[in-house]
Amino acid sequence: MILDAPDGQRVEALTDGSGEARFEGLDFDLGTASVTVTKDGHDIVSYVGLTAERSPLEVALWTPRPVKSLSGQVTNMLELEHQLIVDTTLCSRNYYGHQQVGSSYTIQVPTGEPFSLFSLEFSAETLPSGQGYSQTFYQWLWQDREAMTESTTLDFELDELLSPESVTGAFFFDLREDSPLAGDRGRGYVVARAGSHVNSMSFGFPALIDINTDATGFDYTVEHAPSALIDNPLTEYWVTVADGSSADKIRVYEAGFPRAGDHSLDFIDVPKVTPPPSDGEVYPLANQTWSWELYNEGVTPFLAVFVPTTDYYWSIYGPEDSTEFTIPELPEDLELLSALRENDAQALFVVERGGAGLLAGTVDALTNTDVIMVRYE
């Protein structure tokens, strides 16, 4: 554990047998502190802008789960041009399911644990409004499988088909007038997940979803696998940019199945994010300051730094309702630091409130020129 003290000194400490580390004699009249926690085999977590009121600070580290690869062919599809979903009950930081045209698939399953295999054949099209979808679901399948201890191949047939359940409702939201997702600028969607985790198995999707007549919300009809099969359901409602000009995305998670009837959701509006200018170095994040303008209160911003195709993941949390923070420097002996220096790292700016989260943007952390999601000003 590393502490950057208010006086600018850097102190390192190991946790004791109870998992606690203590730093004493800090003078917060000189400023704020930051803490970075590292542990072999785990992600890196930093908290910046700390004050005396944030003590004690409890830091949760994501514990990776061992997974094995399952791949094969799905037979008995009605049309190979249809989309195929193959998914499993795996709670993970990353999404390990499959959605693609055609009959071949590859997914990850938990090692040494029985799992459920879900599959769905469907087709989709964007509605004339450009703000919704019409999706036709053809074949649903659910199989309970024995535990796997090695990666393997499994070909299966779309038989043992399910009869899905259906629910009709509408969600409403209130965004500022110039929000990039307000009015005719947003496209809505609903996803139902099993396992109470944002990256767990998807089992429900809208057969129809579109903006309502006064552009204040989205009407939907969701079909999902039978509720008797699902433990700990979670529903994700989201809105993204309709014309695809950016990947700004706001989302709210609720425990349970998709709601029937009309209901309002407290989305976090899209902030205006200003990343630091690139200095051309391979490791540009350290000591750089990110700033943003928020339009909601009671929200926590953080930066998720990651390297695609690697296990590198670093979360940097700012204080609640803060409008800027400076990235701490990682220690030179940190094993994962080489992944950031040697690969095309990305930084995802996120704002969240409890179960609600906003994916505000991704940039190329090496050059800050490959703008994918962040809104710049």
Protein backbone atom coordinates (compact mmCIF):
# COMPACT_ATOMS: atom_id res chain seq x y z
CA MET A 1 0.00 0.00 0.00
CA ILE A 2 1.33 3.44 -0.97
CA LEU A 3 0.36 6.74 0.63
CA ASP A 4 1.12 10.09 -0.98
CA ALA A 5 0.89 12.37 2.05
CA PRO A 6 -0.39 15.99 2.05
CA ASP A 7 3.22 17.23 2.46
CA GLY A 8 4.27 15.45 -0.76
CA GLN A 9 6.08 12.55 0.93
CA ARG A 10 5.48 9.00 -0.30
CA VAL A 11 5.18 6.24 2.31
CA GLU A 12 4.79 2.51 1.71
CA ALA A 13 3.32 -0.02 4.14
CA LEU A 14 2.16 -3.63 4.26
CA THR A 15 -1.18 -4.59 5.76
CA ASP A 16 -1.22 -6.56 8.98
CA GLY A 17 -2.93 -9.89 9.61
CA SER A 18 -6.34 -8.21 9.67
CA GLY A 19 -5.72 -6.56 6.31
CA GLU A 20 -5.19 -3.09 7.78
CA ALA A 21 -2.43 -0.53 7.29
CA ARG A 22 -2.08 2.62 9.35
CA PHE A 23 -0.43 5.94 8.48
CA GLU A 24 -0.03 8.47 11.27
CA GLY A 25 1.06 12.08 11.68
CA LEU A 26 -0.54 13.41 8.48
CA ASP A 27 -1.11 17.17 8.28
CA PHE A 28 -4.24 17.69 6.17
CA ASP A 29 -3.85 21.46 6.53
CA LEU A 30 -1.24 21.06 3.77
CA GLY A 31 -3.67 19.43 1.34
CA THR A 32 -5.13 16.02 0.53
CA ALA A 33 -3.66 12.53 0.34
CA SER A 34 -3.91 9.61 -2.04
CA VAL A 35 -3.69 5.87 -1.42
CA THR A 36 -2.82 3.15 -3.95
CA VAL A 37 -3.40 -0.49 -3.03
CA THR A 38 -1.68 -3.34 -4.86
CA LYS A 39 -1.75 -7.09 -4.34
CA ASP A 40 -0.28 -9.85 -6.48
CA GLY A 41 -2.89 -11.30 -8.83
CA HIS A 42 -5.34 -8.45 -8.26
CA ASP A 43 -6.26 -5.17 -9.88
CA ILE A 44 -4.77 -1.86 -8.73
CA VAL A 45 -7.02 0.61 -6.87
CA SER A 46 -6.23 4.25 -6.05
CA TYR A 47 -8.19 6.84 -4.05
CA VAL A 48 -7.20 10.48 -4.57
CA GLY A 49 -8.24 13.73 -2.88
CA LEU A 50 -8.50 12.07 0.53
CA THR A 51 -9.17 14.12 3.66
CA ALA A 52 -9.13 13.21 7.34
CA GLU A 53 -12.88 12.59 7.16
CA ARG A 54 -12.30 9.64 4.78
CA SER A 55 -10.49 7.65 7.48
CA PRO A 56 -10.73 4.73 7.84
CA LEU A 57 -10.84 4.01 4.10
CA GLU A 58 -12.08 0.56 3.12
CA VAL A 59 -10.70 -0.62 -0.24
CA ALA A 60 -12.23 -3.61 -2.01
CA LEU A 61 -9.95 -5.46 -4.44
CA TRP A 62 -11.44 -7.46 -7.30
CA THR A 63 -10.49 -11.13 -6.93
CA PRO A 64 -10.14 -12.80 -10.34
CA ARG A 65 -12.01 -16.06 -10.85
CA PRO A 66 -10.31 -18.88 -12.76
CA VAL A 67 -12.04 -19.57 -16.07
CA LYS A 68 -11.83 -22.12 -18.87
CA SER A 69 -12.66 -21.73 -22.54
CA LEU A 70 -15.70 -23.45 -24.03
CA SER A 71 -16.13 -23.33 -27.80
CA GLY A 72 -17.91 -25.17 -30.57
CA GLN A 73 -20.71 -25.12 -33.12
CA VAL A 74 -24.43 -24.62 -32.59
CA THR A 75 -26.58 -26.70 -34.91
CA ASN A 76 -30.22 -26.37 -35.93
CA MET A 77 -30.13 -22.58 -36.42
CA LEU A 78 -32.95 -21.43 -38.68
CA GLU A 79 -30.65 -19.05 -40.60
CA LEU A 80 -26.87 -18.70 -40.35
CA GLU A 81 -27.29 -14.97 -41.02
CA HIS A 82 -29.06 -14.59 -37.67
CA GLN A 83 -27.34 -13.36 -34.52
CA LEU A 84 -26.37 -16.04 -32.01
CA ILE A 85 -25.97 -15.45 -28.27
CA VAL A 86 -24.20 -18.02 -26.12
CA ASP A 87 -23.71 -17.07 -22.49
CA THR A 88 -23.18 -18.56 -19.06
CA THR A 89 -23.66 -17.80 -15.39
CA LEU A 90 -20.23 -16.29 -14.70
CA CYS A 91 -19.76 -13.26 -12.46
CA SER A 92 -16.73 -11.41 -13.78
CA ARG A 93 -15.22 -7.97 -14.21
CA ASN A 94 -15.12 -8.68 -17.95
CA TYR A 95 -17.94 -9.90 -20.17
CA TYR A 96 -17.15 -13.41 -21.41
CA GLY A 97 -20.29 -14.20 -23.43
CA HIS A 98 -20.67 -14.51 -27.21
CA GLN A 99 -22.88 -12.53 -29.61
CA GLN A 100 -22.15 -12.83 -33.31
CA VAL A 101 -23.58 -13.82 -36.68
CA GLY A 102 -23.12 -17.51 -37.47
CA SER A 103 -23.06 -20.83 -35.64
CA SER A 104 -19.60 -20.91 -34.02
CA TYR A 105 -19.00 -19.58 -30.52
CA THR A 106 -16.37 -19.21 -27.78
CA ILE A 107 -17.15 -18.29 -24.19
CA GLN A 108 -15.49 -18.51 -20.77
CA VAL A 109 -16.97 -20.57 -17.94
CA PRO A 110 -16.03 -20.77 -14.24
CA THR A 111 -13.43 -23.43 -13.46
CA GLY A 112 -14.64 -26.31 -11.32
CA GLU A 113 -18.21 -25.04 -10.92
CA PRO A 114 -21.45 -26.34 -12.45
CA PHE A 115 -22.88 -23.72 -14.80
CA SER A 116 -25.92 -22.93 -16.91
CA LEU A 117 -25.59 -22.50 -20.68
CA PHE A 118 -27.94 -20.01 -22.34
CA SER A 119 -28.37 -19.59 -26.09
CA LEU A 120 -30.63 -17.45 -28.28
CA GLU A 121 -31.03 -17.06 -32.04
CA PHE A 122 -32.40 -13.68 -33.13
CA SER A 123 -32.38 -10.89 -35.72
CA ALA A 124 -32.58 -7.14 -35.15
CA GLU A 125 -33.20 -3.92 -37.01
CA THR A 126 -33.16 -0.23 -36.10
CA LEU A 127 -36.58 1.42 -36.17
CA PRO A 128 -37.38 4.37 -38.49
CA SER A 129 -37.03 6.79 -35.58
CA GLY A 130 -33.37 5.79 -35.24
CA GLN A 131 -33.93 5.64 -31.48
CA GLY A 132 -35.01 2.06 -30.93
CA TYR A 133 -34.94 -1.53 -32.12
CA SER A 134 -37.23 -4.28 -33.33
CA GLN A 135 -35.83 -7.72 -32.54
CA THR A 136 -37.23 -11.12 -33.48
CA PHE A 137 -36.33 -14.02 -31.18
CA TYR A 138 -36.51 -17.46 -32.80
CA GLN A 139 -35.08 -20.09 -30.48
CA TRP A 140 -34.22 -19.98 -26.77
CA LEU A 141 -32.19 -22.68 -25.01
CA TRP A 142 -31.11 -23.33 -21.43
CA GLN A 143 -28.94 -26.24 -20.28
CA ASP A 144 -27.47 -27.05 -16.87
CA ARG A 145 -23.93 -28.36 -17.34
CA GLU A 146 -21.41 -30.19 -15.18
CA ALA A 147 -18.28 -28.42 -13.92
CA MET A 148 -15.30 -28.06 -16.25
CA THR A 149 -11.68 -28.26 -15.14
CA GLU A 150 -10.08 -27.90 -18.59
CA SER A 151 -10.89 -25.93 -21.71
CA THR A 152 -12.95 -28.02 -24.09
CA THR A 153 -15.14 -28.12 -27.19
CA LEU A 154 -18.90 -28.52 -26.98
CA ASP A 155 -21.19 -28.69 -30.01
CA PHE A 156 -24.86 -28.43 -29.09
CA GLU A 157 -28.19 -28.31 -30.87
CA LEU A 158 -30.88 -25.70 -30.41
CA ASP A 159 -33.31 -28.14 -28.89
CA GLU A 160 -34.80 -28.27 -25.36
CA LEU A 161 -36.28 -24.91 -26.33
CA LEU A 162 -37.75 -22.45 -23.84
CA SER A 163 -40.96 -20.47 -24.02
CA PRO A 164 -39.96 -16.90 -23.04
CA GLU A 165 -41.91 -14.58 -20.76
CA SER A 166 -42.88 -11.06 -21.85
CA VAL A 167 -43.32 -7.74 -20.07
CA THR A 168 -44.42 -4.34 -21.41
CA GLY A 169 -43.48 -1.02 -19.85
CA ALA A 170 -41.81 2.35 -20.31
CA PHE A 171 -38.97 4.19 -18.59
CA PHE A 172 -38.75 7.99 -18.33
CA PHE A 173 -35.83 10.29 -17.57
CA ASP A 174 -34.99 13.96 -17.12
CA LEU A 175 -31.81 15.29 -18.78
CA ARG A 176 -30.62 18.84 -19.36
CA GLU A 177 -31.83 20.33 -22.64
CA ASP A 178 -28.40 20.35 -24.28
CA SER A 179 -27.49 16.81 -23.15
CA PRO A 180 -26.17 14.70 -26.05
CA LEU A 181 -28.77 12.06 -25.11
CA ALA A 182 -31.87 14.23 -24.63
CA GLY A 183 -34.88 14.40 -26.95
CA ASP A 184 -34.29 12.93 -30.39
CA ARG A 185 -30.56 12.36 -29.73
CA GLY A 186 -30.78 9.22 -27.59
CA ARG A 187 -31.39 5.53 -28.31
CA GLY A 188 -32.73 3.26 -25.56
CA TYR A 189 -32.31 -0.40 -24.62
CA VAL A 190 -33.10 -2.85 -21.81
CA VAL A 191 -31.09 -5.93 -20.80
CA ALA A 192 -31.97 -8.47 -18.09
CA ARG A 193 -29.05 -10.25 -16.41
CA ALA A 194 -28.68 -13.19 -14.03
CA GLY A 195 -26.36 -13.17 -11.04
CA SER A 196 -26.73 -9.55 -9.85
CA HIS A 197 -23.64 -8.40 -11.73
CA VAL A 198 -23.25 -5.96 -14.61
CA ASN A 199 -21.21 -8.46 -16.66
CA SER A 200 -23.16 -11.59 -15.78
CA MET A 201 -25.28 -13.61 -18.19
CA SER A 202 -27.85 -11.76 -20.31
CA PHE A 203 -31.19 -13.54 -20.55
CA GLY A 204 -33.69 -10.86 -21.63
CA PHE A 205 -33.87 -8.25 -24.41
CA PRO A 206 -36.42 -5.89 -25.98
CA ALA A 207 -38.53 -7.34 -28.76
CA LEU A 208 -39.49 -3.70 -29.33
CA ILE A 209 -38.19 -0.45 -27.85
CA ASP A 210 -38.61 3.09 -29.16
CA ILE A 211 -38.74 6.72 -28.05
CA ASN A 212 -42.19 7.81 -26.88
CA THR A 213 -44.23 10.49 -28.63
CA ASP A 214 -42.97 13.42 -26.54
CA ALA A 215 -39.33 12.21 -26.40
CA THR A 216 -39.26 11.91 -22.60
CA GLY A 217 -38.70 8.16 -22.38
CA PHE A 218 -38.77 4.78 -24.11
CA ASP A 219 -41.64 2.33 -24.50
CA TYR A 220 -40.58 -1.32 -24.53
CA THR A 221 -41.67 -4.94 -24.67
CA VAL A 222 -39.02 -7.24 -23.23
CA GLU A 223 -38.87 -11.00 -23.67
CA HIS A 224 -36.74 -13.05 -21.29
CA ALA A 225 -36.01 -16.62 -20.24
CA PRO A 226 -38.52 -18.03 -17.71
CA SER A 227 -38.16 -16.39 -14.32
CA ALA A 228 -38.15 -19.77 -12.56
CA LEU A 229 -34.69 -20.42 -14.05
CA ILE A 230 -33.11 -17.15 -12.91
CA ASP A 231 -31.36 -16.44 -9.62
CA ASN A 232 -30.73 -12.84 -8.55
CA PRO A 233 -32.01 -11.05 -11.67
CA LEU A 234 -30.71 -7.58 -12.51
CA THR A 235 -32.13 -5.22 -15.14
CA GLU A 236 -30.03 -2.64 -16.98
CA TYR A 237 -31.77 0.31 -18.64
CA TRP A 238 -29.57 2.43 -20.87
CA VAL A 239 -29.54 5.30 -23.34
CA THR A 240 -26.77 5.96 -25.85
CA VAL A 241 -26.21 8.33 -28.77
CA ALA A 242 -28.70 7.50 -31.53
CA ASP A 243 -26.56 8.50 -34.51
CA GLY A 244 -23.43 6.71 -33.30
CA SER A 245 -21.37 9.91 -33.31
CA SER A 246 -19.95 8.95 -29.92
CA ALA A 247 -20.32 6.15 -27.44
CA ASP A 248 -21.69 8.26 -24.56
CA LYS A 249 -23.87 5.91 -22.54
CA ILE A 250 -25.93 6.40 -19.39
CA ARG A 251 -27.34 3.41 -17.53
CA VAL A 252 -29.25 2.49 -14.40
CA TYR A 253 -29.26 -0.95 -12.78
CA GLU A 254 -32.17 -2.28 -10.73
CA ALA A 255 -32.47 -5.56 -8.88
CA GLY A 256 -35.21 -7.77 -10.30
CA PHE A 257 -36.79 -8.45 -13.67
CA PRO A 258 -37.70 -5.65 -16.11
CA ARG A 259 -40.54 -3.55 -14.73
CA ALA A 260 -44.04 -3.63 -16.18
CA GLY A 261 -45.84 -0.32 -16.63
CA ASP A 262 -44.49 3.23 -16.56
CA HIS A 263 -41.63 4.22 -14.26
CA SER A 264 -39.03 6.98 -13.93
CA LEU A 265 -35.27 6.38 -13.65
CA ASP A 266 -32.68 8.68 -12.12
CA PHE A 267 -30.01 8.67 -14.83
CA ILE A 268 -26.72 10.53 -14.40
CA ASP A 269 -26.41 13.05 -17.21
CA VAL A 270 -23.32 13.08 -19.44
CA PRO A 271 -20.56 15.28 -17.97
CA LYS A 272 -18.16 17.37 -20.03
CA VAL A 273 -14.72 15.83 -19.58
CA THR A 274 -11.36 17.52 -20.20
CA PRO A 275 -8.45 15.07 -20.17
CA PRO A 276 -4.88 16.35 -19.82
CA PRO A 277 -2.84 17.16 -22.91
CA SER A 278 -0.55 14.37 -24.04
CA ASP A 279 3.14 14.84 -23.36
CA GLY A 280 4.11 12.14 -25.86
CA GLU A 281 5.50 9.83 -23.20
CA VAL A 282 4.66 6.13 -23.07
CA TYR A 283 3.40 6.50 -19.50
CA PRO A 284 1.52 9.82 -19.57
CA LEU A 285 -1.04 9.31 -16.83
CA ALA A 286 1.17 9.84 -13.78
CA ASN A 287 0.80 13.29 -12.20
CA GLN A 288 -1.64 14.46 -14.89
CA THR A 289 -4.90 16.20 -13.98
CA TRP A 290 -8.31 15.32 -15.44
CA SER A 291 -11.23 17.74 -15.01
CA TRP A 292 -14.94 17.62 -15.79
CA GLU A 293 -18.24 19.44 -15.36
CA LEU A 294 -20.97 17.50 -13.57
CA TYR A 295 -24.73 18.00 -13.85
CA ASN A 296 -25.76 15.78 -10.92
CA GLU A 297 -25.01 15.59 -7.20
CA GLY A 298 -24.08 12.64 -5.00
CA VAL A 299 -21.99 10.97 -7.70
CA THR A 300 -18.52 9.44 -7.59
CA PRO A 301 -16.19 9.85 -10.58
CA PHE A 302 -13.39 7.44 -11.35
CA LEU A 303 -10.98 6.57 -14.11
CA ALA A 304 -10.64 2.94 -15.18
CA VAL A 305 -7.28 2.42 -16.87
CA PHE A 306 -6.91 -0.84 -18.76
CA VAL A 307 -4.99 -2.55 -21.55
CA PRO A 308 -7.23 -4.59 -23.89
CA THR A 309 -6.34 -8.31 -24.15
CA THR A 310 -4.32 -8.15 -20.91
CA ASP A 311 -5.13 -8.45 -17.21
CA TYR A 312 -4.11 -4.85 -16.53
CA TYR A 313 -6.83 -2.85 -14.74
CA TRP A 314 -6.33 0.20 -12.54
CA SER A 315 -9.24 2.11 -10.93
CA ILE A 316 -8.62 5.67 -9.69
CA TYR A 317 -11.46 7.06 -7.54
CA GLY A 318 -11.99 10.74 -6.81
CA PRO A 319 -14.03 12.26 -3.97
CA GLU A 320 -17.80 12.45 -4.32
CA ASP A 321 -18.92 15.36 -6.53
CA SER A 322 -15.32 16.33 -7.28
CA THR A 323 -14.61 18.12 -10.57
CA GLU A 324 -10.95 17.17 -11.05
CA PHE A 325 -8.23 14.88 -9.79
CA THR A 326 -4.55 14.20 -10.39
CA ILE A 327 -3.39 10.68 -11.22
CA PRO A 328 -0.89 9.22 -8.73
CA GLU A 329 2.37 7.66 -9.89
CA LEU A 330 2.69 3.89 -9.72
CA PRO A 331 5.80 2.33 -8.13
CA GLU A 332 8.52 1.26 -10.54
CA ASP A 333 8.64 -2.32 -9.23
CA LEU A 334 4.96 -2.95 -9.99
CA GLU A 335 4.67 -5.90 -12.37
CA LEU A 336 1.61 -4.57 -14.21
CA LEU A 337 3.29 -1.26 -14.94
CA SER A 338 5.07 -2.84 -17.93
CA ALA A 339 1.68 -3.62 -19.51
CA LEU A 340 0.75 0.07 -19.39
CA ARG A 341 4.08 1.17 -20.86
CA GLU A 342 4.29 -1.43 -23.62
CA ASN A 343 0.69 -1.59 -24.87
CA ASP A 344 -2.11 0.61 -26.15
CA ALA A 345 -3.61 1.56 -22.80
CA GLN A 346 -7.05 3.15 -22.56
CA ALA A 347 -8.72 5.25 -19.90
CA LEU A 348 -12.46 5.08 -19.27
CA PHE A 349 -14.04 7.95 -17.35
CA VAL A 350 -16.98 6.74 -15.25
CA VAL A 351 -19.47 8.47 -12.96
CA GLU A 352 -21.68 6.37 -10.72
CA ARG A 353 -24.22 6.66 -7.94
CA GLY A 354 -25.02 3.46 -6.09
CA GLY A 355 -26.38 1.06 -8.70
CA ALA A 356 -26.38 3.71 -11.43
CA GLY A 357 -23.39 4.15 -13.68
CA LEU A 358 -22.39 6.38 -16.56
CA LEU A 359 -19.78 5.30 -19.09
CA ALA A 360 -18.64 8.73 -20.17
CA GLY A 361 -15.65 7.99 -22.32
CA THR A 362 -12.60 6.12 -23.51
CA VAL A 363 -9.44 7.72 -24.85
CA ASP A 364 -6.10 6.38 -25.99
CA ALA A 365 -4.06 7.06 -22.88
CA LEU A 366 -0.82 7.13 -24.84
CA THR A 367 -1.64 10.01 -27.18
CA ASN A 368 -5.07 11.33 -26.12
CA THR A 369 -5.95 11.60 -29.81
CA ASP A 370 -7.98 8.44 -30.42
CA VAL A 371 -11.24 9.77 -28.99
CA ILE A 372 -13.84 7.02 -28.75
CA MET A 373 -16.23 8.03 -26.01
CA VAL A 374 -15.26 11.09 -23.97
CA ARG A 375 -16.92 14.44 -24.70
CA TYR A 376 -14.20 17.09 -24.83
CA GLU A 377 -14.39 20.84 -24.28
